[in-house]
Amino acid sequence: MLIVTTEMIAGKDYETLGLVKGSTIQSKNIGKDIGSSFKTLVGGELKSYTKMMDEARALATKRMVEEAQGIGADAIVSFRYASSSIMAGAAEVIAYGTAVKLK
C-alpha cells in the first residue's frame, strides 16, 4: 500500500474512494507513569512514552491500511496523524487519509 502525505501521486491517475482512518488509545502502566513523572523534574526524554507513541502510530496506521484495503484502495493520499490526551498517561492517536484506486 502506497501512503503519501501529498495530495497527488506524481504521474498517476486515480479514483478517490473516500476517507479512511485508524485509531488507538494507549496508556502506560502505573509504575512507568510514576517513573516518568520523576523524569519531568530533571528533564530529558521520556523513553517509555516515546515507545508508547511509536507503537500507537504503528497500530493506527495498520488499522487505516486495513480499512483502505477493505474498500479496494491501492494507495492513501493526504496522510496525516493526529493525537490528543485522553487522561493523564493516556493518549489517542488517529491516522487518516484519502483512499484511492489507481487507474
C-alpha atoms as a PDB file:
ATOM      1  CA  MET A   1       0.000   0.000   0.000  1.00  0.00           C
ATOM      2  CA  LEU A   2       1.446   3.317  -1.098  1.00  0.00           C
ATOM      3  CA  ILE A   3       0.970   6.021   1.546  1.00  0.00           C
ATOM      4  CA  VAL A   4       1.889   9.635   0.789  1.00  0.00           C
ATOM      5  CA  THR A   5       1.428  12.926   2.597  1.00  0.00           C
ATOM      6  CA  THR A   6       0.923  14.827  -0.657  1.00  0.00           C
ATOM      7  CA  GLU A   7      -2.446  15.425  -2.298  1.00  0.00           C
ATOM      8  CA  MET A   8      -1.302  13.893  -5.579  1.00  0.00           C
ATOM      9  CA  ILE A   9       0.846  10.957  -6.669  1.00  0.00           C
ATOM     10  CA  ALA A  10       3.182  12.217  -9.391  1.00  0.00           C
ATOM     11  CA  GLY A  11       2.460  10.630 -12.758  1.00  0.00           C
ATOM     12  CA  LYS A  12      -0.553   8.636 -11.526  1.00  0.00           C
ATOM     13  CA  ASP A  13      -4.251   8.981 -12.207  1.00  0.00           C
ATOM     14  CA  TYR A  14      -6.646   7.647  -9.624  1.00  0.00           C
ATOM     15  CA  GLU A  15     -10.225   7.496  -8.456  1.00  0.00           C
ATOM     16  CA  THR A  16     -10.984   8.812  -4.967  1.00  0.00           C
ATOM     17  CA  LEU A  17     -12.680   6.212  -2.759  1.00  0.00           C
ATOM     18  CA  GLY A  18     -13.044   8.243   0.439  1.00  0.00           C
ATOM     19  CA  LEU A  19     -11.745   8.851   3.927  1.00  0.00           C
ATOM     20  CA  VAL A  20     -10.006   6.027   5.780  1.00  0.00           C
ATOM     21  CA  LYS A  21      -8.801   6.102   9.352  1.00  0.00           C
ATOM     22  CA  GLY A  22      -7.410   4.023  12.148  1.00  0.00           C
ATOM     23  CA  SER A  23      -7.074   4.857  15.803  1.00  0.00           C
ATOM     24  CA  THR A  24      -5.947   3.550  19.167  1.00  0.00           C
ATOM     25  CA  ILE A  25      -5.827   4.758  22.740  1.00  0.00           C
ATOM     26  CA  GLN A  26      -2.702   3.777  24.641  1.00  0.00           C
ATOM     27  CA  SER A  27      -1.603   4.156  28.243  1.00  0.00           C
ATOM     28  CA  LYS A  28       1.402   3.214  30.337  1.00  0.00           C
ATOM     29  CA  ASN A  29       1.204   1.156  33.497  1.00  0.00           C
ATOM     30  CA  ILE A  30       1.243   2.963  36.825  1.00  0.00           C
ATOM     31  CA  GLY A  31       4.877   2.042  37.583  1.00  0.00           C
ATOM     32  CA  LYS A  32       6.178   3.558  34.356  1.00  0.00           C
ATOM     33  CA  ASP A  33       3.908   6.569  34.836  1.00  0.00           C
ATOM     34  CA  ILE A  34       5.366   7.262  38.282  1.00  0.00           C
ATOM     35  CA  GLY A  35       8.916   6.818  36.960  1.00  0.00           C
ATOM     36  CA  SER A  36       8.215   9.211  34.101  1.00  0.00           C
ATOM     37  CA  SER A  37       6.800  11.822  36.465  1.00  0.00           C
ATOM     38  CA  PHE A  38      10.144  11.848  38.328  1.00  0.00           C
ATOM     39  CA  LYS A  39      11.939  12.320  34.990  1.00  0.00           C
ATOM     40  CA  THR A  40       9.968  15.521  34.385  1.00  0.00           C
ATOM     41  CA  LEU A  41      11.681  17.018  37.429  1.00  0.00           C
ATOM     42  CA  VAL A  42      15.158  16.781  35.889  1.00  0.00           C
ATOM     43  CA  GLY A  43      14.264  16.919  32.193  1.00  0.00           C
ATOM     44  CA  GLY A  44      15.091  14.652  29.311  1.00  0.00           C
ATOM     45  CA  GLU A  45      13.317  12.214  27.044  1.00  0.00           C
ATOM     46  CA  LEU A  46      10.511  10.090  28.459  1.00  0.00           C
ATOM     47  CA  LYS A  47      11.573   6.936  26.612  1.00  0.00           C
ATOM     48  CA  SER A  48       8.647   4.788  27.734  1.00  0.00           C
ATOM     49  CA  TYR A  49       6.236   7.389  26.361  1.00  0.00           C
ATOM     50  CA  THR A  50       8.209   7.725  23.132  1.00  0.00           C
ATOM     51  CA  LYS A  51       7.968   3.956  22.670  1.00  0.00           C
ATOM     52  CA  MET A  52       4.261   4.002  23.539  1.00  0.00           C
ATOM     53  CA  MET A  53       3.552   6.681  20.931  1.00  0.00           C
ATOM     54  CA  ASP A  54       5.639   4.872  18.273  1.00  0.00           C
ATOM     55  CA  GLU A  55       3.590   1.723  18.912  1.00  0.00           C
ATOM     56  CA  ALA A  56       0.340   3.698  18.845  1.00  0.00           C
ATOM     57  CA  ARG A  57       1.192   5.319  15.496  1.00  0.00           C
ATOM     58  CA  ALA A  58       2.108   1.918  14.018  1.00  0.00           C
ATOM     59  CA  LEU A  59      -1.159   0.352  15.191  1.00  0.00           C
ATOM     60  CA  ALA A  60      -3.278   3.288  13.997  1.00  0.00           C
ATOM     61  CA  THR A  61      -1.549   3.166  10.582  1.00  0.00           C
ATOM     62  CA  LYS A  62      -2.107  -0.608  10.336  1.00  0.00           C
ATOM     63  CA  ARG A  63      -5.816  -0.173  11.064  1.00  0.00           C
ATOM     64  CA  MET A  64      -6.100   2.615   8.487  1.00  0.00           C
ATOM     65  CA  VAL A  65      -4.401   0.456   5.831  1.00  0.00           C
ATOM     66  CA  GLU A  66      -6.730  -2.462   6.637  1.00  0.00           C
ATOM     67  CA  GLU A  67      -9.749  -0.176   6.171  1.00  0.00           C
ATOM     68  CA  ALA A  68      -8.343   1.075   2.842  1.00  0.00           C
ATOM     69  CA  GLN A  69      -7.696  -2.479   1.632  1.00  0.00           C
ATOM     70  CA  GLY A  70     -11.243  -3.386   2.614  1.00  0.00           C
ATOM     71  CA  ILE A  71     -12.642  -0.878   0.129  1.00  0.00           C
ATOM     72  CA  GLY A  72     -10.214  -1.855  -2.641  1.00  0.00           C
ATOM     73  CA  ALA A  73      -7.717   1.009  -2.369  1.00  0.00           C
ATOM     74  CA  ASP A  74      -4.245   0.877  -3.895  1.00  0.00           C
ATOM     75  CA  ALA A  75      -2.920   3.948  -2.090  1.00  0.00           C
ATOM     76  CA  ILE A  76      -3.652   6.602   0.522  1.00  0.00           C
ATOM     77  CA  VAL A  77      -3.017  10.269  -0.213  1.00  0.00           C
ATOM     78  CA  SER A  78      -3.008  13.282   2.134  1.00  0.00           C
ATOM     79  CA  PHE A  79      -1.967  11.020   5.015  1.00  0.00           C
ATOM     80  CA  ARG A  80      -1.846  12.612   8.478  1.00  0.00           C
ATOM     81  CA  TYR A  81      -1.584  11.758  12.178  1.00  0.00           C
ATOM     82  CA  ALA A  82      -3.439  13.474  14.992  1.00  0.00           C
ATOM     83  CA  SER A  83      -3.184  12.842  18.703  1.00  0.00           C
ATOM     84  CA  SER A  84      -4.863  14.012  21.842  1.00  0.00           C
ATOM     85  CA  SER A  85      -4.584  13.422  25.536  1.00  0.00           C
ATOM     86  CA  ILE A  86      -7.482  11.379  26.890  1.00  0.00           C
ATOM     87  CA  MET A  87      -6.407  11.478  30.541  1.00  0.00           C
ATOM     88  CA  ALA A  88      -3.146  11.599  32.487  1.00  0.00           C
ATOM     89  CA  GLY A  89      -0.872   8.955  30.969  1.00  0.00           C
ATOM     90  CA  ALA A  90      -3.206   8.030  28.087  1.00  0.00           C
ATOM     91  CA  ALA A  91      -3.264   9.325  24.532  1.00  0.00           C
ATOM     92  CA  GLU A  92      -5.323   8.709  21.412  1.00  0.00           C
ATOM     93  CA  VAL A  93      -3.570   8.515  18.047  1.00  0.00           C
ATOM     94  CA  ILE A  94      -5.512   8.734  14.778  1.00  0.00           C
ATOM     95  CA  ALA A  95      -4.057   8.007  11.338  1.00  0.00           C
ATOM     96  CA  TYR A  96      -6.174   9.243   8.422  1.00  0.00           C
ATOM     97  CA  GLY A  97      -6.069   9.961   4.731  1.00  0.00           C
ATOM     98  CA  THR A  98      -7.918   9.598   1.450  1.00  0.00           C
ATOM     99  CA  ALA A  99      -8.102   6.120  -0.065  1.00  0.00           C
ATOM    100  CA  VAL A 100      -7.614   5.992  -3.839  1.00  0.00           C
ATOM    101  CA  LYS A 101      -7.755   3.382  -6.597  1.00  0.00           C
ATOM    102  CA  LEU A 102      -5.048   3.734  -9.243  1.00  0.00           C
ATOM    103  CA  LYS A 103      -6.134   3.722 -12.903  1.00  0.00           C
END
